[in-house]
Structure formats: C-alpha cells, structure tokens
Amino acid sequence: MWNDAKDDILDIFEKVKEKEPLPLYCPMCGKKEAHIYMYRFEDYNRGTVWAWCSACKATAHARMMLPIWWKNAEVLDNRLLGVHPDMLEAKKTVVDKHVNMLIRVENSI
C-alpha cells in the first residue's frame, strides 16, 4: 500500500531538476529506490509530478512548474496515470530510462 502521508519524497524533484540520474536515494528510507515521472500539459510549462519509492512505498503527486527540458514519454499510456504510481512502478525501468535520457541530452547541450 502506498504511503502519501508526507510530501518529503518530492525532495527528489529538485535533484532531478539539477539533472541527477535515477534512481535516487529516498529521503524517507535512504534506499536508492526513489523514482519520478512528470507529465506536461499541452502548451503549458506546468504539469503533474509523481515521486515514489519502490522500497518504502512513500509517494506524492503534485502540480508544479516542470523543467524546460522535460518531454512526456510516448511509451507510457497517460490514460493509466492516477494519483498513486501503480502503473509507473510497474514500468519504473522504462520511466528511469526516459528521465535519464532527457538528462543526458540536456547535459550535452
């Protein structure tokens, strides 16, 4: 069961904005099992962020200003995105690969 009682897991958003690759160390349990995914609304700089830890099941979901370099993953079915990251957890390898690819491209510019 997901634990969304605390938003501390969202601290990893800043690390991703600073282009640290996934997975990250979870600010809740300390294990390197923290993941993040963002979804940009069409024609907006705002979007939705999901942050979660596969180990301790801490999770948070919020609307935020997204990094300019963020692009939605075409391989994920956005219709399956919900408050909790069930679909994202099942595809965390794909999510991490997508985020890390965007970070590598941004770092090479």
PDB file of N, CA and C in Angstrom:
ATOM      1  N   MET A   1       0.834  -1.175   0.000  1.00  0.00           N
ATOM      2  CA  MET A   1       0.000   0.000   0.000  1.00  0.00           C
ATOM      3  C   MET A   1       0.887   1.251   0.000  1.00  0.00           C
ATOM      4  N   TRP A   2       0.523   2.216  -0.806  1.00  0.00           N
ATOM      5  CA  TRP A   2       1.286   3.457  -0.912  1.00  0.00           C
ATOM      6  C   TRP A   2       1.051   4.338   0.305  1.00  0.00           C
ATOM      7  N   ASN A   3       2.109   5.050   0.725  1.00  0.00           N
ATOM      8  CA  ASN A   3       2.029   5.971   1.854  1.00  0.00           C
ATOM      9  C   ASN A   3       2.187   7.390   1.324  1.00  0.00           C
ATOM     10  N   ASP A   4       1.082   8.126   1.250  1.00  0.00           N
ATOM     11  CA  ASP A   4       1.154   9.502   0.768  1.00  0.00           C
ATOM     12  C   ASP A   4       0.915  10.509   1.890  1.00  0.00           C
ATOM     13  N   ALA A   5       1.250  10.109   3.135  1.00  0.00           N
ATOM     14  CA  ALA A   5       1.035  10.970   4.301  1.00  0.00           C
ATOM     15  C   ALA A   5       2.024  12.125   4.367  1.00  0.00           C
ATOM     16  N   LYS A   6       3.205  11.970   3.758  1.00  0.00           N
ATOM     17  CA  LYS A   6       4.228  13.023   3.788  1.00  0.00           C
ATOM     18  C   LYS A   6       4.653  13.353   2.368  1.00  0.00           C
ATOM     19  N   ASP A   7       5.002  14.610   2.152  1.00  0.00           N
ATOM     20  CA  ASP A   7       5.445  15.037   0.829  1.00  0.00           C
ATOM     21  C   ASP A   7       6.973  15.071   0.702  1.00  0.00           C
ATOM     22  N   ASP A   8       7.703  14.569   1.701  1.00  0.00           N
ATOM     23  CA  ASP A   8       9.165  14.626   1.669  1.00  0.00           C
ATOM     24  C   ASP A   8       9.757  13.930   0.453  1.00  0.00           C
ATOM     25  N   ILE A   9       9.065  12.955  -0.081  1.00  0.00           N
ATOM     26  CA  ILE A   9       9.560  12.247  -1.265  1.00  0.00           C
ATOM     27  C   ILE A   9       9.699  13.213  -2.440  1.00  0.00           C
ATOM     28  N   LEU A  10       8.939  14.308  -2.436  1.00  0.00           N
ATOM     29  CA  LEU A  10       9.031  15.302  -3.520  1.00  0.00           C
ATOM     30  C   LEU A  10      10.375  16.036  -3.519  1.00  0.00           C
ATOM     31  N   ASP A  11      11.169  15.870  -2.451  1.00  0.00           N
ATOM     32  CA  ASP A  11      12.509  16.484  -2.430  1.00  0.00           C
ATOM     33  C   ASP A  11      13.355  16.002  -3.602  1.00  0.00           C
ATOM     34  N   ILE A  12      13.060  14.827  -4.135  1.00  0.00           N
ATOM     35  CA  ILE A  12      13.858  14.332  -5.260  1.00  0.00           C
ATOM     36  C   ILE A  12      13.601  15.136  -6.526  1.00  0.00           C
ATOM     37  N   PHE A  13      12.502  15.893  -6.577  1.00  0.00           N
ATOM     38  CA  PHE A  13      12.207  16.741  -7.738  1.00  0.00           C
ATOM     39  C   PHE A  13      13.350  17.731  -7.966  1.00  0.00           C
ATOM     40  N   GLU A  14      13.858  18.332  -6.904  1.00  0.00           N
ATOM     41  CA  GLU A  14      14.970  19.289  -7.025  1.00  0.00           C
ATOM     42  C   GLU A  14      16.220  18.612  -7.569  1.00  0.00           C
ATOM     43  N   LYS A  15      16.476  17.393  -7.140  1.00  0.00           N
ATOM     44  CA  LYS A  15      17.657  16.667  -7.626  1.00  0.00           C
ATOM     45  C   LYS A  15      17.539  16.366  -9.118  1.00  0.00           C
ATOM     46  N   VAL A  16      16.340  16.013  -9.561  1.00  0.00           N
ATOM     47  CA  VAL A  16      16.130  15.744 -10.982  1.00  0.00           C
ATOM     48  C   VAL A  16      16.248  17.041 -11.776  1.00  0.00           C
ATOM     49  N   LYS A  17      15.728  18.148 -11.239  1.00  0.00           N
ATOM     50  CA  LYS A  17      15.886  19.441 -11.910  1.00  0.00           C
ATOM     51  C   LYS A  17      17.367  19.797 -12.052  1.00  0.00           C
ATOM     52  N   GLU A  18      18.176  19.348 -11.086  1.00  0.00           N
ATOM     53  CA  GLU A  18      19.630  19.566 -11.145  1.00  0.00           C
ATOM     54  C   GLU A  18      20.313  18.486 -11.974  1.00  0.00           C
ATOM     55  N   LYS A  19      19.509  17.620 -12.585  1.00  0.00           N
ATOM     56  CA  LYS A  19      19.941  16.601 -13.544  1.00  0.00           C
ATOM     57  C   LYS A  19      20.709  15.443 -12.917  1.00  0.00           C
ATOM     58  N   GLU A  20      20.290  15.017 -11.729  1.00  0.00           N
ATOM     59  CA  GLU A  20      20.840  13.804 -11.131  1.00  0.00           C
ATOM     60  C   GLU A  20      20.054  12.608 -11.679  1.00  0.00           C
ATOM     61  N   PRO A  21      20.744  11.563 -12.133  1.00  0.00           N
ATOM     62  CA  PRO A  21      20.056  10.413 -12.738  1.00  0.00           C
ATOM     63  C   PRO A  21      19.313   9.547 -11.722  1.00  0.00           C
ATOM     64  N   LEU A  22      18.337   8.827 -12.237  1.00  0.00           N
ATOM     65  CA  LEU A  22      17.520   7.908 -11.434  1.00  0.00           C
ATOM     66  C   LEU A  22      18.096   6.499 -11.464  1.00  0.00           C
ATOM     67  N   PRO A  23      17.779   5.688 -10.468  1.00  0.00           N
ATOM     68  CA  PRO A  23      17.026   6.009  -9.269  1.00  0.00           C
ATOM     69  C   PRO A  23      17.862   6.836  -8.297  1.00  0.00           C
ATOM     70  N   LEU A  24      17.168   7.524  -7.389  1.00  0.00           N
ATOM     71  CA  LEU A  24      17.819   8.364  -6.386  1.00  0.00           C
ATOM     72  C   LEU A  24      17.633   7.749  -5.006  1.00  0.00           C
ATOM     73  N   TYR A  25      18.387   8.262  -4.039  1.00  0.00           N
ATOM     74  CA  TYR A  25      18.196   7.823  -2.662  1.00  0.00           C
ATOM     75  C   TYR A  25      16.909   8.444  -2.130  1.00  0.00           C
ATOM     76  N   CYS A  26      16.094   7.634  -1.513  1.00  0.00           N
ATOM     77  CA  CYS A  26      14.821   8.086  -0.965  1.00  0.00           C
ATOM     78  C   CYS A  26      15.067   8.928   0.290  1.00  0.00           C
ATOM     79  N   PRO A  27      14.487  10.139   0.362  1.00  0.00           N
ATOM     80  CA  PRO A  27      14.648  10.957   1.562  1.00  0.00           C
ATOM     81  C   PRO A  27      13.893  10.393   2.768  1.00  0.00           C
ATOM     82  N   MET A  28      13.053   9.403   2.549  1.00  0.00           N
ATOM     83  CA  MET A  28      12.283   8.809   3.644  1.00  0.00           C
ATOM     84  C   MET A  28      13.007   7.612   4.266  1.00  0.00           C
ATOM     85  N   CYS A  29      13.490   6.680   3.418  1.00  0.00           N
ATOM     86  CA  CYS A  29      14.077   5.444   3.950  1.00  0.00           C
ATOM     87  C   CYS A  29      15.572   5.307   3.658  1.00  0.00           C
ATOM     88  N   GLY A  30      16.110   6.142   2.761  1.00  0.00           N
ATOM     89  CA  GLY A  30      17.534   6.116   2.464  1.00  0.00           C
ATOM     90  C   GLY A  30      17.967   5.100   1.415  1.00  0.00           C
ATOM     91  N   LYS A  31      17.035   4.310   0.909  1.00  0.00           N
ATOM     92  CA  LYS A  31      17.384   3.320  -0.113  1.00  0.00           C
ATOM     93  C   LYS A  31      17.377   3.967  -1.493  1.00  0.00           C
ATOM     94  N   LYS A  32      18.208   3.458  -2.387  1.00  0.00           N
ATOM     95  CA  LYS A  32      18.309   4.012  -3.736  1.00  0.00           C
ATOM     96  C   LYS A  32      17.209   3.404  -4.606  1.00  0.00           C
ATOM     97  N   GLU A  33      15.977   3.764  -4.267  1.00  0.00           N
ATOM     98  CA  GLU A  33      14.793   3.228  -4.938  1.00  0.00           C
ATOM     99  C   GLU A  33      13.778   4.317  -5.251  1.00  0.00           C
ATOM    100  N   ALA A  34      14.208   5.599  -5.249  1.00  0.00           N
ATOM    101  CA  ALA A  34      13.280   6.704  -5.500  1.00  0.00           C
ATOM    102  C   ALA A  34      13.234   7.021  -6.993  1.00  0.00           C
ATOM    103  N   HIS A  35      12.026   7.234  -7.480  1.00  0.00           N
ATOM    104  CA  HIS A  35      11.779   7.481  -8.896  1.00  0.00           C
ATOM    105  C   HIS A  35      10.868   8.701  -9.045  1.00  0.00           C
ATOM    106  N   ILE A  36      10.860   9.245 -10.244  1.00  0.00           N
ATOM    107  CA  ILE A  36       9.995  10.387 -10.511  1.00  0.00           C
ATOM    108  C   ILE A  36       9.543  10.339 -11.962  1.00  0.00           C
ATOM    109  N   TYR A  37       8.330  10.789 -12.181  1.00  0.00           N
ATOM    110  CA  TYR A  37       7.827  10.959 -13.538  1.00  0.00           C
ATOM    111  C   TYR A  37       7.013  12.244 -13.577  1.00  0.00           C
ATOM    112  N   MET A  38       7.079  12.914 -14.700  1.00  0.00           N
ATOM    113  CA  MET A  38       6.343  14.158 -14.879  1.00  0.00           C
ATOM    114  C   MET A  38       5.490  14.053 -16.136  1.00  0.00           C
ATOM    115  N   TYR A  39       4.408  14.774 -16.131  1.00  0.00           N
ATOM    116  CA  TYR A  39       3.557  14.845 -17.318  1.00  0.00           C
ATOM    117  C   TYR A  39       3.255  16.315 -17.585  1.00  0.00           C
ATOM    118  N   ARG A  40       3.713  16.797 -18.745  1.00  0.00           N
ATOM    119  CA  ARG A  40       3.494  18.191 -19.121  1.00  0.00           C
ATOM    120  C   ARG A  40       2.150  18.311 -19.820  1.00  0.00           C
ATOM    121  N   PHE A  41       1.349  19.272 -19.361  1.00  0.00           N
ATOM    122  CA  PHE A  41       0.088  19.566 -20.036  1.00  0.00           C
ATOM    123  C   PHE A  41       0.408  20.223 -21.371  1.00  0.00           C
ATOM    124  N   GLU A  42      -0.418  19.994 -22.365  1.00  0.00           N
ATOM    125  CA  GLU A  42      -0.181  20.566 -23.692  1.00  0.00           C
ATOM    126  C   GLU A  42      -0.073  22.083 -23.615  1.00  0.00           C
ATOM    127  N   ASP A  43       0.963  22.618 -24.268  1.00  0.00           N
ATOM    128  CA  ASP A  43       1.174  24.060 -24.381  1.00  0.00           C
ATOM    129  C   ASP A  43       1.328  24.772 -23.043  1.00  0.00           C
ATOM    130  N   TYR A  44       1.809  24.079 -22.020  1.00  0.00           N
ATOM    131  CA  TYR A  44       1.998  24.694 -20.711  1.00  0.00           C
ATOM    132  C   TYR A  44       3.384  24.342 -20.176  1.00  0.00           C
ATOM    133  N   ASN A  45       3.873  25.192 -19.282  1.00  0.00           N
ATOM    134  CA  ASN A  45       5.098  24.871 -18.551  1.00  0.00           C
ATOM    135  C   ASN A  45       4.775  24.113 -17.275  1.00  0.00           C
ATOM    136  N   ARG A  46       3.497  23.987 -16.978  1.00  0.00           N
ATOM    137  CA  ARG A  46       3.076  23.280 -15.765  1.00  0.00           C
ATOM    138  C   ARG A  46       2.733  21.836 -16.097  1.00  0.00           C
ATOM    139  N   GLY A  47       2.767  21.025 -15.066  1.00  0.00           N
ATOM    140  CA  GLY A  47       2.415  19.636 -15.252  1.00  0.00           C
ATOM    141  C   GLY A  47       2.214  18.950 -13.921  1.00  0.00           C
ATOM    142  N   THR A  48       2.119  17.650 -13.978  1.00  0.00           N
ATOM    143  CA  THR A  48       1.933  16.828 -12.790  1.00  0.00           C
ATOM    144  C   THR A  48       3.197  16.018 -12.547  1.00  0.00           C
ATOM    145  N   VAL A  49       3.547  15.895 -11.288  1.00  0.00           N
ATOM    146  CA  VAL A  49       4.738  15.149 -10.884  1.00  0.00           C
ATOM    147  C   VAL A  49       4.324  14.012  -9.953  1.00  0.00           C
ATOM    148  N   TRP A  50       4.852  12.831 -10.220  1.00  0.00           N
ATOM    149  CA  TRP A  50       4.714  11.685  -9.321  1.00  0.00           C
ATOM    150  C   TRP A  50       6.108  11.355  -8.819  1.00  0.00           C
ATOM    151  N   ALA A  51       6.269  11.272  -7.519  1.00  0.00           N
ATOM    152  CA  ALA A  51       7.522  10.820  -6.921  1.00  0.00           C
ATOM    153  C   ALA A  51       7.175   9.640  -6.019  1.00  0.00           C
ATOM    154  N   TRP A  52       8.014   8.605  -6.064  1.00  0.00           N
ATOM    155  CA  TRP A  52       7.715   7.429  -5.250  1.00  0.00           C
ATOM    156  C   TRP A  52       8.975   6.637  -4.963  1.00  0.00           C
ATOM    157  N   CYS A  53       8.900   5.832  -3.914  1.00  0.00           N
ATOM    158  CA  CYS A  53       9.993   4.937  -3.537  1.00  0.00           C
ATOM    159  C   CYS A  53       9.483   3.505  -3.623  1.00  0.00           C
ATOM    160  N   SER A  54      10.179   2.701  -4.382  1.00  0.00           N
ATOM    161  CA  SER A  54       9.807   1.298  -4.539  1.00  0.00           C
ATOM    162  C   SER A  54      10.011   0.513  -3.252  1.00  0.00           C
ATOM    163  N   ALA A  55      10.925   0.965  -2.387  1.00  0.00           N
ATOM    164  CA  ALA A  55      11.239   0.225  -1.167  1.00  0.00           C
ATOM    165  C   ALA A  55      10.236   0.494  -0.048  1.00  0.00           C
ATOM    166  N   CYS A  56      10.048   1.766   0.323  1.00  0.00           N
ATOM    167  CA  CYS A  56       9.190   2.082   1.475  1.00  0.00           C
ATOM    168  C   CYS A  56       7.782   2.502   1.079  1.00  0.00           C
ATOM    169  N   LYS A  57       7.522   2.609  -0.237  1.00  0.00           N
ATOM    170  CA  LYS A  57       6.202   2.944  -0.778  1.00  0.00           C
ATOM    171  C   LYS A  57       5.748   4.365  -0.448  1.00  0.00           C
ATOM    172  N   ALA A  58       6.700   5.261  -0.103  1.00  0.00           N
ATOM    173  CA  ALA A  58       6.351   6.675   0.052  1.00  0.00           C
ATOM    174  C   ALA A  58       6.020   7.222  -1.332  1.00  0.00           C
ATOM    175  N   THR A  59       5.018   8.073  -1.409  1.00  0.00           N
ATOM    176  CA  THR A  59       4.634   8.637  -2.691  1.00  0.00           C
ATOM    177  C   THR A  59       4.024  10.019  -2.511  1.00  0.00           C
ATOM    178  N   ALA A  60       4.140  10.833  -3.541  1.00  0.00           N
ATOM    179  CA  ALA A  60       3.478  12.135  -3.568  1.00  0.00           C
ATOM    180  C   ALA A  60       3.165  12.459  -5.015  1.00  0.00           C
ATOM    181  N   HIS A  61       2.142  13.263  -5.193  1.00  0.00           N
ATOM    182  CA  HIS A  61       1.633  13.624  -6.509  1.00  0.00           C
ATOM    183  C   HIS A  61       1.262  15.096  -6.414  1.00  0.00           C
ATOM    184  N   ALA A  62       1.815  15.937  -7.305  1.00  0.00           N
ATOM    185  CA  ALA A  62       1.556  17.374  -7.212  1.00  0.00           C
ATOM    186  C   ALA A  62       1.649  18.030  -8.582  1.00  0.00           C
ATOM    187  N   ARG A  63       1.014  19.179  -8.704  1.00  0.00           N
ATOM    188  CA  ARG A  63       1.160  20.001  -9.911  1.00  0.00           C
ATOM    189  C   ARG A  63       2.253  21.010  -9.658  1.00  0.00           C
ATOM    190  N   MET A  64       3.143  21.179 -10.657  1.00  0.00           N
ATOM    191  CA  MET A  64       4.312  22.045 -10.487  1.00  0.00           C
ATOM    192  C   MET A  64       4.727  22.624 -11.828  1.00  0.00           C
ATOM    193  N   MET A  65       5.632  23.581 -11.759  1.00  0.00           N
ATOM    194  CA  MET A  65       6.315  24.059 -12.954  1.00  0.00           C
ATOM    195  C   MET A  65       7.367  23.001 -13.290  1.00  0.00           C
ATOM    196  N   LEU A  66       7.364  22.534 -14.515  1.00  0.00           N
ATOM    197  CA  LEU A  66       8.299  21.489 -14.925  1.00  0.00           C
ATOM    198  C   LEU A  66       9.548  22.097 -15.537  1.00  0.00           C
ATOM    199  N   PRO A  67      10.663  21.354 -15.487  1.00  0.00           N
ATOM    200  CA  PRO A  67      11.878  21.834 -16.152  1.00  0.00           C
ATOM    201  C   PRO A  67      11.614  22.012 -17.646  1.00  0.00           C
ATOM    202  N   ILE A  68      12.252  22.994 -18.236  1.00  0.00           N
ATOM    203  CA  ILE A  68      12.070  23.284 -19.664  1.00  0.00           C
ATOM    204  C   ILE A  68      12.398  22.056 -20.508  1.00  0.00           C
ATOM    205  N   TRP A  69      13.370  21.267 -20.087  1.00  0.00           N
ATOM    206  CA  TRP A  69      13.835  20.129 -20.870  1.00  0.00           C
ATOM    207  C   TRP A  69      12.910  18.908 -20.800  1.00  0.00           C
ATOM    208  N   TRP A  70      11.874  18.949 -19.953  1.00  0.00           N
ATOM    209  CA  TRP A  70      11.024  17.777 -19.791  1.00  0.00           C
ATOM    210  C   TRP A  70      10.167  17.522 -21.026  1.00  0.00           C
ATOM    211  N   LYS A  71      10.114  16.252 -21.436  1.00  0.00           N
ATOM    212  CA  LYS A  71       9.224  15.790 -22.508  1.00  0.00           C
ATOM    213  C   LYS A  71       8.504  14.547 -22.004  1.00  0.00           C
ATOM    214  N   ASN A  72       7.207  14.461 -22.270  1.00  0.00           N
ATOM    215  CA  ASN A  72       6.430  13.290 -21.866  1.00  0.00           C
ATOM    216  C   ASN A  72       6.926  12.051 -22.607  1.00  0.00           C
ATOM    217  N   ALA A  73       6.858  10.918 -21.937  1.00  0.00           N
ATOM    218  CA  ALA A  73       7.266   9.651 -22.553  1.00  0.00           C
ATOM    219  C   ALA A  73       6.153   9.142 -23.451  1.00  0.00           C
ATOM    220  N   GLU A  74       6.477   8.862 -24.684  1.00  0.00           N
ATOM    221  CA  GLU A  74       5.479   8.352 -25.632  1.00  0.00           C
ATOM    222  C   GLU A  74       5.164   6.884 -25.396  1.00  0.00           C
ATOM    223  N   VAL A  75       6.019   6.179 -24.667  1.00  0.00           N
ATOM    224  CA  VAL A  75       5.818   4.742 -24.457  1.00  0.00           C
ATOM    225  C   VAL A  75       4.876   4.440 -23.292  1.00  0.00           C
ATOM    226  N   LEU A  76       4.454   5.461 -22.548  1.00  0.00           N
ATOM    227  CA  LEU A  76       3.530   5.256 -21.434  1.00  0.00           C
ATOM    228  C   LEU A  76       2.126   5.681 -21.836  1.00  0.00           C
ATOM    229  N   ASP A  77       1.143   4.934 -21.385  1.00  0.00           N
ATOM    230  CA  ASP A  77      -0.253   5.263 -21.651  1.00  0.00           C
ATOM    231  C   ASP A  77      -0.715   6.256 -20.584  1.00  0.00           C
ATOM    232  N   ASN A  78      -0.794   7.528 -20.951  1.00  0.00           N
ATOM    233  CA  ASN A  78      -1.145   8.576 -20.000  1.00  0.00           C
ATOM    234  C   ASN A  78      -2.538   8.384 -19.408  1.00  0.00           C
ATOM    235  N   ARG A  79      -3.383   7.630 -20.058  1.00  0.00           N
ATOM    236  CA  ARG A  79      -4.726   7.368 -19.522  1.00  0.00           C
ATOM    237  C   ARG A  79      -4.667   6.496 -18.274  1.00  0.00           C
ATOM    238  N   LEU A  80      -3.535   5.811 -18.057  1.00  0.00           N
ATOM    239  CA  LEU A  80      -3.397   4.936 -16.892  1.00  0.00           C
ATOM    240  C   LEU A  80      -2.737   5.634 -15.701  1.00  0.00           C
ATOM    241  N   LEU A  81      -2.392   6.913 -15.864  1.00  0.00           N
ATOM    242  CA  LEU A  81      -1.796   7.656 -14.757  1.00  0.00           C
ATOM    243  C   LEU A  81      -2.882   8.008 -13.752  1.00  0.00           C
ATOM    244  N   GLY A  82      -2.619   7.727 -12.489  1.00  0.00           N
ATOM    245  CA  GLY A  82      -3.570   8.033 -11.425  1.00  0.00           C
ATOM    246  C   GLY A  82      -2.871   8.739 -10.293  1.00  0.00           C
ATOM    247  N   VAL A  83      -3.571   8.912  -9.188  1.00  0.00           N
ATOM    248  CA  VAL A  83      -2.976   9.581  -8.035  1.00  0.00           C
ATOM    249  C   VAL A  83      -1.786   8.787  -7.519  1.00  0.00           C
ATOM    250  N   HIS A  84      -1.949   7.480  -7.397  1.00  0.00           N
ATOM    251  CA  HIS A  84      -0.846   6.637  -6.941  1.00  0.00           C
ATOM    252  C   HIS A  84      -0.096   6.084  -8.155  1.00  0.00           C
ATOM    253  N   PRO A  85       1.197   5.834  -7.998  1.00  0.00           N
ATOM    254  CA  PRO A  85       2.035   5.465  -9.138  1.00  0.00           C
ATOM    255  C   PRO A  85       2.052   3.985  -9.480  1.00  0.00           C
ATOM    256  N   ASP A  86       0.920   3.316  -9.421  1.00  0.00           N
ATOM    257  CA  ASP A  86       0.891   1.875  -9.690  1.00  0.00           C
ATOM    258  C   ASP A  86       1.456   1.533 -11.067  1.00  0.00           C
ATOM    259  N   MET A  87       0.958   2.183 -12.097  1.00  0.00           N
ATOM    260  CA  MET A  87       1.437   1.915 -13.457  1.00  0.00           C
ATOM    261  C   MET A  87       2.905   2.318 -13.598  1.00  0.00           C
ATOM    262  N   LEU A  88       3.275   3.435 -12.993  1.00  0.00           N
ATOM    263  CA  LEU A  88       4.663   3.895 -13.080  1.00  0.00           C
ATOM    264  C   LEU A  88       5.615   2.940 -12.364  1.00  0.00           C
ATOM    265  N   GLU A  89       5.205   2.425 -11.232  1.00  0.00           N
ATOM    266  CA  GLU A  89       6.031   1.454 -10.500  1.00  0.00           C
ATOM    267  C   GLU A  89       6.245   0.208 -11.349  1.00  0.00           C
ATOM    268  N   ALA A  90       5.198  -0.247 -12.015  1.00  0.00           N
ATOM    269  CA  ALA A  90       5.315  -1.433 -12.865  1.00  0.00           C
ATOM    270  C   ALA A  90       6.254  -1.184 -14.036  1.00  0.00           C
ATOM    271  N   LYS A  91       6.410   0.062 -14.439  1.00  0.00           N
ATOM    272  CA  LYS A  91       7.260   0.419 -15.581  1.00  0.00           C
ATOM    273  C   LYS A  91       8.429   1.301 -15.155  1.00  0.00           C
ATOM    274  N   LYS A  92       8.892   1.154 -13.910  1.00  0.00           N
ATOM    275  CA  LYS A  92       9.930   2.042 -13.382  1.00  0.00           C
ATOM    276  C   LYS A  92      11.226   1.987 -14.186  1.00  0.00           C
ATOM    277  N   THR A  93      11.566   0.847 -14.769  1.00  0.00           N
ATOM    278  CA  THR A  93      12.772   0.761 -15.590  1.00  0.00           C
ATOM    279  C   THR A  93      12.638   1.647 -16.823  1.00  0.00           C
ATOM    280  N   VAL A  94      11.473   1.619 -17.450  1.00  0.00           N
ATOM    281  CA  VAL A  94      11.204   2.463 -18.623  1.00  0.00           C
ATOM    282  C   VAL A  94      11.193   3.932 -18.214  1.00  0.00           C
ATOM    283  N   VAL A  95      10.562   4.232 -17.074  1.00  0.00           N
ATOM    284  CA  VAL A  95      10.499   5.612 -16.581  1.00  0.00           C
ATOM    285  C   VAL A  95      11.904   6.137 -16.309  1.00  0.00           C
ATOM    286  N   ASP A  96      12.709   5.376 -15.561  1.00  0.00           N
ATOM    287  CA  ASP A  96      14.076   5.812 -15.248  1.00  0.00           C
ATOM    288  C   ASP A  96      14.893   6.010 -16.521  1.00  0.00           C
ATOM    289  N   LYS A  97      14.752   5.102 -17.466  1.00  0.00           N
ATOM    290  CA  LYS A  97      15.488   5.210 -18.722  1.00  0.00           C
ATOM    291  C   LYS A  97      15.089   6.493 -19.468  1.00  0.00           C
ATOM    292  N   HIS A  98      13.802   6.807 -19.490  1.00  0.00           N
ATOM    293  CA  HIS A  98      13.319   8.019 -20.159  1.00  0.00           C
ATOM    294  C   HIS A  98      13.878   9.279 -19.480  1.00  0.00           C
ATOM    295  N   VAL A  99      13.759   9.345 -18.157  1.00  0.00           N
ATOM    296  CA  VAL A  99      14.255  10.512 -17.416  1.00  0.00           C
ATOM    297  C   VAL A  99      15.755  10.656 -17.616  1.00  0.00           C
ATOM    298  N   ASN A 100      16.500   9.577 -17.500  1.00  0.00           N
ATOM    299  CA  ASN A 100      17.955   9.641 -17.645  1.00  0.00           C
ATOM    300  C   ASN A 100      18.371  10.030 -19.058  1.00  0.00           C
ATOM    301  N   MET A 101      17.613   9.607 -20.069  1.00  0.00           N
ATOM    302  CA  MET A 101      17.899  10.008 -21.448  1.00  0.00           C
ATOM    303  C   MET A 101      17.714  11.516 -21.605  1.00  0.00           C
ATOM    304  N   LEU A 102      16.639  12.055 -21.045  1.00  0.00           N
ATOM    305  CA  LEU A 102      16.404  13.502 -21.127  1.00  0.00           C
ATOM    306  C   LEU A 102      17.506  14.278 -20.408  1.00  0.00           C
ATOM    307  N   ILE A 103      17.948  13.761 -19.272  1.00  0.00           N
ATOM    308  CA  ILE A 103      19.035  14.415 -18.527  1.00  0.00           C
ATOM    309  C   ILE A 103      20.328  14.386 -19.336  1.00  0.00           C
ATOM    310  N   ARG A 104      20.664  13.226 -19.953  1.00  0.00           N
ATOM    311  CA  ARG A 104      21.883  13.130 -20.762  1.00  0.00           C
ATOM    312  C   ARG A 104      21.845  14.106 -21.947  1.00  0.00           C
ATOM    313  N   VAL A 105      20.711  14.177 -22.617  1.00  0.00           N
ATOM    314  CA  VAL A 105      20.576  15.101 -23.763  1.00  0.00           C
ATOM    315  C   VAL A 105      20.749  16.529 -23.293  1.00  0.00           C
ATOM    316  N   GLU A 106      20.107  16.884 -22.196  1.00  0.00           N
ATOM    317  CA  GLU A 106      20.213  18.257 -21.664  1.00  0.00           C
ATOM    318  C   GLU A 106      21.640  18.575 -21.238  1.00  0.00           C
ATOM    319  N   ASN A 107      22.319  17.604 -20.637  1.00  0.00           N
ATOM    320  CA  ASN A 107      23.706  17.829 -20.195  1.00  0.00           C
ATOM    321  C   ASN A 107      24.667  17.974 -21.376  1.00  0.00           C
ATOM    322  N   SER A 108      24.301  17.434 -22.536  1.00  0.00           N
ATOM    323  CA  SER A 108      25.202  17.505 -23.693  1.00  0.00           C
ATOM    324  C   SER A 108      25.041  18.808 -24.481  1.00  0.00           C
ATOM    325  N   ILE A 109      24.026  19.587 -24.135  1.00  0.00           N
ATOM    326  CA  ILE A 109      23.782  20.849 -24.865  1.00  0.00           C
ATOM    327  C   ILE A 109      24.688  21.943 -24.338  1.00  0.00           C
TER     328      ILE A 109
END
